């Protein structure tokens, strides 16, 4: 299932209250949606052959795929997601000082990774580097971080 039309007449589970069924219908109107209550239930349905695939966040699916007994029997597709969404941190309302600190800390981590600071490279690579939980090419991570930094705000130079 690497193209939108490859979903036609396929049984694809979605986790209830996470991704709305009409969201995947934008990709392929003839997909047969099967609701499940958890990531584990969706993966089990795929492993048991009850469904043809499982629609969820690609990064999480890749990490979960690597925990399966036969991870090489499965692949997360497509390489470029059909939908993009942000991941967020929730902070207390009316605490702009803390929000600024969180944003600055994340920005410094991204900037440090881009510039090869070993502290930040190790943190990111532990989870997303080529040998991390979800292996992603380092240049792809750098490109993403650069895009985020450029489009949001400049991080002051480290002291």
C-alpha atoms as a PDB file:
ATOM      1  CA  UNK A   1       0.000   0.000   0.000  1.00  0.00           C
ATOM      2  CA  UNK A   2       2.317   2.673  -1.182  1.00  0.00           C
ATOM      3  CA  UNK A   3      -0.132   4.797  -3.164  1.00  0.00           C
ATOM      4  CA  UNK A   4      -3.582   6.159  -2.285  1.00  0.00           C
ATOM      5  CA  UNK A   5      -5.362   3.905  -4.795  1.00  0.00           C
ATOM      6  CA  UNK A   6      -3.721   0.828  -3.263  1.00  0.00           C
ATOM      7  CA  UNK A   7      -6.064   1.273  -0.261  1.00  0.00           C
ATOM      8  CA  UNK A   8      -9.119   0.538  -2.400  1.00  0.00           C
ATOM      9  CA  UNK A   9     -11.199  -2.311  -0.951  1.00  0.00           C
ATOM     10  CA  UNK A  10      -8.656  -2.876   1.855  1.00  0.00           C
ATOM     11  CA  UNK A  11      -9.558  -3.386   5.504  1.00  0.00           C
ATOM     12  CA  UNK A  12      -7.674  -0.742   7.508  1.00  0.00           C
ATOM     13  CA  UNK A  13      -8.051  -0.314  11.267  1.00  0.00           C
ATOM     14  CA  UNK A  14      -8.137   3.083  12.943  1.00  0.00           C
ATOM     15  CA  UNK A  15      -7.976   3.700  16.679  1.00  0.00           C
ATOM     16  CA  UNK A  16     -11.301   5.030  17.921  1.00  0.00           C
ATOM     17  CA  UNK A  17     -11.248   8.750  18.783  1.00  0.00           C
ATOM     18  CA  UNK A  18      -7.714   9.233  17.393  1.00  0.00           C
ATOM     19  CA  UNK A  19      -8.003   9.497  13.599  1.00  0.00           C
ATOM     20  CA  UNK A  20     -11.435  10.135  12.140  1.00  0.00           C
ATOM     21  CA  UNK A  21     -12.590   7.648   9.485  1.00  0.00           C
ATOM     22  CA  UNK A  22     -13.305  10.458   7.023  1.00  0.00           C
ATOM     23  CA  UNK A  23      -9.618  11.491   7.206  1.00  0.00           C
ATOM     24  CA  UNK A  24      -8.481   8.268   5.531  1.00  0.00           C
ATOM     25  CA  UNK A  25     -11.424   8.438   3.118  1.00  0.00           C
ATOM     26  CA  UNK A  26      -9.782  11.583   1.694  1.00  0.00           C
ATOM     27  CA  UNK A  27      -7.021   9.279   0.447  1.00  0.00           C
ATOM     28  CA  UNK A  28      -9.276   6.480  -0.804  1.00  0.00           C
ATOM     29  CA  UNK A  29     -13.053   6.558  -0.547  1.00  0.00           C
ATOM     30  CA  UNK A  30     -13.413   2.781  -1.020  1.00  0.00           C
ATOM     31  CA  UNK A  31     -11.328   1.758   2.009  1.00  0.00           C
ATOM     32  CA  UNK A  32     -13.110  -0.437   4.579  1.00  0.00           C
ATOM     33  CA  UNK A  33     -12.512   1.128   8.016  1.00  0.00           C
ATOM     34  CA  UNK A  34     -12.265  -1.215  11.013  1.00  0.00           C
ATOM     35  CA  UNK A  35     -12.247   0.481  14.423  1.00  0.00           C
ATOM     36  CA  UNK A  36      -9.866  -0.787  17.135  1.00  0.00           C
ATOM     37  CA  UNK A  37      -9.263   0.503  20.645  1.00  0.00           C
ATOM     38  CA  UNK A  38      -5.447   0.600  20.753  1.00  0.00           C
ATOM     39  CA  UNK A  39      -2.191   0.474  18.796  1.00  0.00           C
ATOM     40  CA  UNK A  40      -1.639  -3.053  20.078  1.00  0.00           C
ATOM     41  CA  UNK A  41      -5.056  -4.162  18.787  1.00  0.00           C
ATOM     42  CA  UNK A  42      -4.316  -2.674  15.355  1.00  0.00           C
ATOM     43  CA  UNK A  43      -0.926  -4.371  15.136  1.00  0.00           C
ATOM     44  CA  UNK A  44      -2.371  -7.683  16.309  1.00  0.00           C
ATOM     45  CA  UNK A  45      -5.080  -7.466  13.629  1.00  0.00           C
ATOM     46  CA  UNK A  46      -2.349  -6.997  11.000  1.00  0.00           C
ATOM     47  CA  UNK A  47      -0.227  -9.862  12.413  1.00  0.00           C
ATOM     48  CA  UNK A  48      -3.266 -12.159  12.539  1.00  0.00           C
ATOM     49  CA  UNK A  49      -4.177 -11.343   8.924  1.00  0.00           C
ATOM     50  CA  UNK A  50      -7.568  -9.905   9.919  1.00  0.00           C
ATOM     51  CA  UNK A  51      -6.834  -6.597   8.139  1.00  0.00           C
ATOM     52  CA  UNK A  52      -4.661  -5.420   5.265  1.00  0.00           C
ATOM     53  CA  UNK A  53      -2.810  -2.618   7.067  1.00  0.00           C
ATOM     54  CA  UNK A  54      -3.038  -0.171   9.956  1.00  0.00           C
ATOM     55  CA  UNK A  55      -3.277   3.629   9.667  1.00  0.00           C
ATOM     56  CA  UNK A  56      -1.500   5.543  12.415  1.00  0.00           C
ATOM     57  CA  UNK A  57       1.464   7.858  13.022  1.00  0.00           C
ATOM     58  CA  UNK A  58       4.351   6.541  10.898  1.00  0.00           C
ATOM     59  CA  UNK A  59       7.071   7.200  13.465  1.00  0.00           C
ATOM     60  CA  UNK A  60       5.192   5.304  16.161  1.00  0.00           C
ATOM     61  CA  UNK A  61       4.356   2.487  13.743  1.00  0.00           C
ATOM     62  CA  UNK A  62       8.016   2.136  12.787  1.00  0.00           C
ATOM     63  CA  UNK A  63       9.024   1.894  16.433  1.00  0.00           C
ATOM     64  CA  UNK A  64       6.278  -0.668  17.106  1.00  0.00           C
ATOM     65  CA  UNK A  65       7.199  -2.633  13.952  1.00  0.00           C
ATOM     66  CA  UNK A  66      10.688  -3.113  15.343  1.00  0.00           C
ATOM     67  CA  UNK A  67       9.241  -4.797  18.462  1.00  0.00           C
ATOM     68  CA  UNK A  68       7.408  -7.495  16.475  1.00  0.00           C
ATOM     69  CA  UNK A  69       8.679 -11.084  16.425  1.00  0.00           C
ATOM     70  CA  UNK A  70       9.329 -10.846  12.658  1.00  0.00           C
ATOM     71  CA  UNK A  71       9.799  -7.098  12.012  1.00  0.00           C
ATOM     72  CA  UNK A  72      11.204  -7.643   8.506  1.00  0.00           C
ATOM     73  CA  UNK A  73       7.874  -9.166   7.471  1.00  0.00           C
ATOM     74  CA  UNK A  74       6.309  -5.689   7.741  1.00  0.00           C
ATOM     75  CA  UNK A  75       6.998  -2.255   6.306  1.00  0.00           C
ATOM     76  CA  UNK A  76       5.689   1.221   7.133  1.00  0.00           C
ATOM     77  CA  UNK A  77       4.453   2.904   3.949  1.00  0.00           C
ATOM     78  CA  UNK A  78       4.533   5.344   2.307  1.00  0.00           C
ATOM     79  CA  UNK A  79       7.956   6.830   2.984  1.00  0.00           C
ATOM     80  CA  UNK A  80       6.451  10.346   2.875  1.00  0.00           C
ATOM     81  CA  UNK A  81       3.287  10.566   4.980  1.00  0.00           C
ATOM     82  CA  UNK A  82      -0.075  11.342   3.390  1.00  0.00           C
ATOM     83  CA  UNK A  83      -0.896  13.596   6.351  1.00  0.00           C
ATOM     84  CA  UNK A  84       1.401  15.759   8.446  1.00  0.00           C
ATOM     85  CA  UNK A  85       0.623  16.845  11.964  1.00  0.00           C
ATOM     86  CA  UNK A  86       2.482  18.407  14.807  1.00  0.00           C
ATOM     87  CA  UNK A  87       3.380  16.833  18.094  1.00  0.00           C
ATOM     88  CA  UNK A  88       2.910  19.149  21.028  1.00  0.00           C
ATOM     89  CA  UNK A  89       3.769  19.674  24.663  1.00  0.00           C
ATOM     90  CA  UNK A  90       1.055  20.795  27.038  1.00  0.00           C
ATOM     91  CA  UNK A  91       2.076  23.486  29.522  1.00  0.00           C
ATOM     92  CA  UNK A  92       0.080  25.270  32.211  1.00  0.00           C
ATOM     93  CA  UNK A  93      -2.149  28.039  30.899  1.00  0.00           C
ATOM     94  CA  UNK A  94      -0.989  31.601  31.612  1.00  0.00           C
ATOM     95  CA  UNK A  95       2.628  30.568  32.193  1.00  0.00           C
ATOM     96  CA  UNK A  96       4.382  32.260  29.301  1.00  0.00           C
ATOM     97  CA  UNK A  97       7.730  32.123  31.101  1.00  0.00           C
ATOM     98  CA  UNK A  98       7.631  28.321  31.211  1.00  0.00           C
ATOM     99  CA  UNK A  99       6.357  28.139  27.616  1.00  0.00           C
ATOM    100  CA  UNK A 100       9.267  30.335  26.494  1.00  0.00           C
ATOM    101  CA  UNK A 101      11.685  28.059  28.380  1.00  0.00           C
ATOM    102  CA  UNK A 102      10.226  24.926  26.738  1.00  0.00           C
ATOM    103  CA  UNK A 103      10.402  26.487  23.259  1.00  0.00           C
ATOM    104  CA  UNK A 104      13.945  27.750  23.800  1.00  0.00           C
ATOM    105  CA  UNK A 105      15.083  24.348  25.116  1.00  0.00           C
ATOM    106  CA  UNK A 106      13.616  22.509  22.114  1.00  0.00           C
ATOM    107  CA  UNK A 107      15.103  25.116  19.759  1.00  0.00           C
ATOM    108  CA  UNK A 108      18.548  24.788  21.352  1.00  0.00           C
ATOM    109  CA  UNK A 109      18.356  21.010  21.046  1.00  0.00           C
ATOM    110  CA  UNK A 110      17.516  21.297  17.339  1.00  0.00           C
ATOM    111  CA  UNK A 111      20.238  23.891  16.756  1.00  0.00           C
ATOM    112  CA  UNK A 112      22.749  21.782  18.706  1.00  0.00           C
ATOM    113  CA  UNK A 113      21.920  18.720  16.605  1.00  0.00           C
ATOM    114  CA  UNK A 114      22.303  20.681  13.365  1.00  0.00           C
ATOM    115  CA  UNK A 115      25.695  21.984  14.524  1.00  0.00           C
ATOM    116  CA  UNK A 116      26.934  18.589  15.729  1.00  0.00           C
ATOM    117  CA  UNK A 117      26.950  19.282  19.479  1.00  0.00           C
ATOM    118  CA  UNK A 118      27.582  15.788  20.932  1.00  0.00           C
ATOM    119  CA  UNK A 119      25.073  16.290  23.792  1.00  0.00           C
ATOM    120  CA  UNK A 120      22.185  16.950  21.436  1.00  0.00           C
ATOM    121  CA  UNK A 121      23.276  14.498  18.759  1.00  0.00           C
ATOM    122  CA  UNK A 122      23.297  11.713  21.388  1.00  0.00           C
ATOM    123  CA  UNK A 123      19.842  12.682  22.702  1.00  0.00           C
ATOM    124  CA  UNK A 124      18.241  12.737  19.243  1.00  0.00           C
ATOM    125  CA  UNK A 125      20.080   9.671  17.943  1.00  0.00           C
ATOM    126  CA  UNK A 126      18.987   7.610  20.926  1.00  0.00           C
ATOM    127  CA  UNK A 127      15.445   7.791  19.583  1.00  0.00           C
ATOM    128  CA  UNK A 128      15.593   8.851  15.913  1.00  0.00           C
ATOM    129  CA  UNK A 129      19.163   8.401  14.693  1.00  0.00           C
ATOM    130  CA  UNK A 130      20.299   5.680  12.340  1.00  0.00           C
ATOM    131  CA  UNK A 131      20.704   3.266  15.295  1.00  0.00           C
ATOM    132  CA  UNK A 132      17.815   4.695  17.358  1.00  0.00           C
ATOM    133  CA  UNK A 133      14.434   3.268  18.231  1.00  0.00           C
ATOM    134  CA  UNK A 134      13.090   4.699  14.968  1.00  0.00           C
ATOM    135  CA  UNK A 135      16.039   4.935  12.555  1.00  0.00           C
ATOM    136  CA  UNK A 136      15.948   8.081  10.435  1.00  0.00           C
ATOM    137  CA  UNK A 137      18.777   9.355   8.238  1.00  0.00           C
ATOM    138  CA  UNK A 138      20.650  12.168  10.029  1.00  0.00           C
ATOM    139  CA  UNK A 139      20.426  14.529   7.046  1.00  0.00           C
ATOM    140  CA  UNK A 140      16.645  14.170   7.052  1.00  0.00           C
ATOM    141  CA  UNK A 141      16.577  15.069  10.760  1.00  0.00           C
ATOM    142  CA  UNK A 142      18.835  18.089  10.157  1.00  0.00           C
ATOM    143  CA  UNK A 143      16.678  19.268   7.248  1.00  0.00           C
ATOM    144  CA  UNK A 144      13.542  19.008   9.388  1.00  0.00           C
ATOM    145  CA  UNK A 145      15.130  20.837  12.337  1.00  0.00           C
ATOM    146  CA  UNK A 146      16.440  23.584  10.043  1.00  0.00           C
ATOM    147  CA  UNK A 147      12.988  24.069   8.533  1.00  0.00           C
ATOM    148  CA  UNK A 148      11.427  24.345  12.000  1.00  0.00           C
ATOM    149  CA  UNK A 149      14.021  26.821  13.243  1.00  0.00           C
ATOM    150  CA  UNK A 150      13.892  28.958  10.099  1.00  0.00           C
ATOM    151  CA  UNK A 151      10.109  29.145  10.067  1.00  0.00           C
ATOM    152  CA  UNK A 152       9.637  29.844  13.777  1.00  0.00           C
ATOM    153  CA  UNK A 153      12.324  32.022  15.288  1.00  0.00           C
ATOM    154  CA  UNK A 154      16.050  32.411  15.576  1.00  0.00           C
ATOM    155  CA  UNK A 155      17.754  30.654  18.478  1.00  0.00           C
ATOM    156  CA  UNK A 156      20.328  32.909  20.142  1.00  0.00           C
ATOM    157  CA  UNK A 157      23.945  31.640  19.963  1.00  0.00           C
ATOM    158  CA  UNK A 158      24.974  29.420  22.859  1.00  0.00           C
ATOM    159  CA  UNK A 159      26.980  31.116  25.577  1.00  0.00           C
END
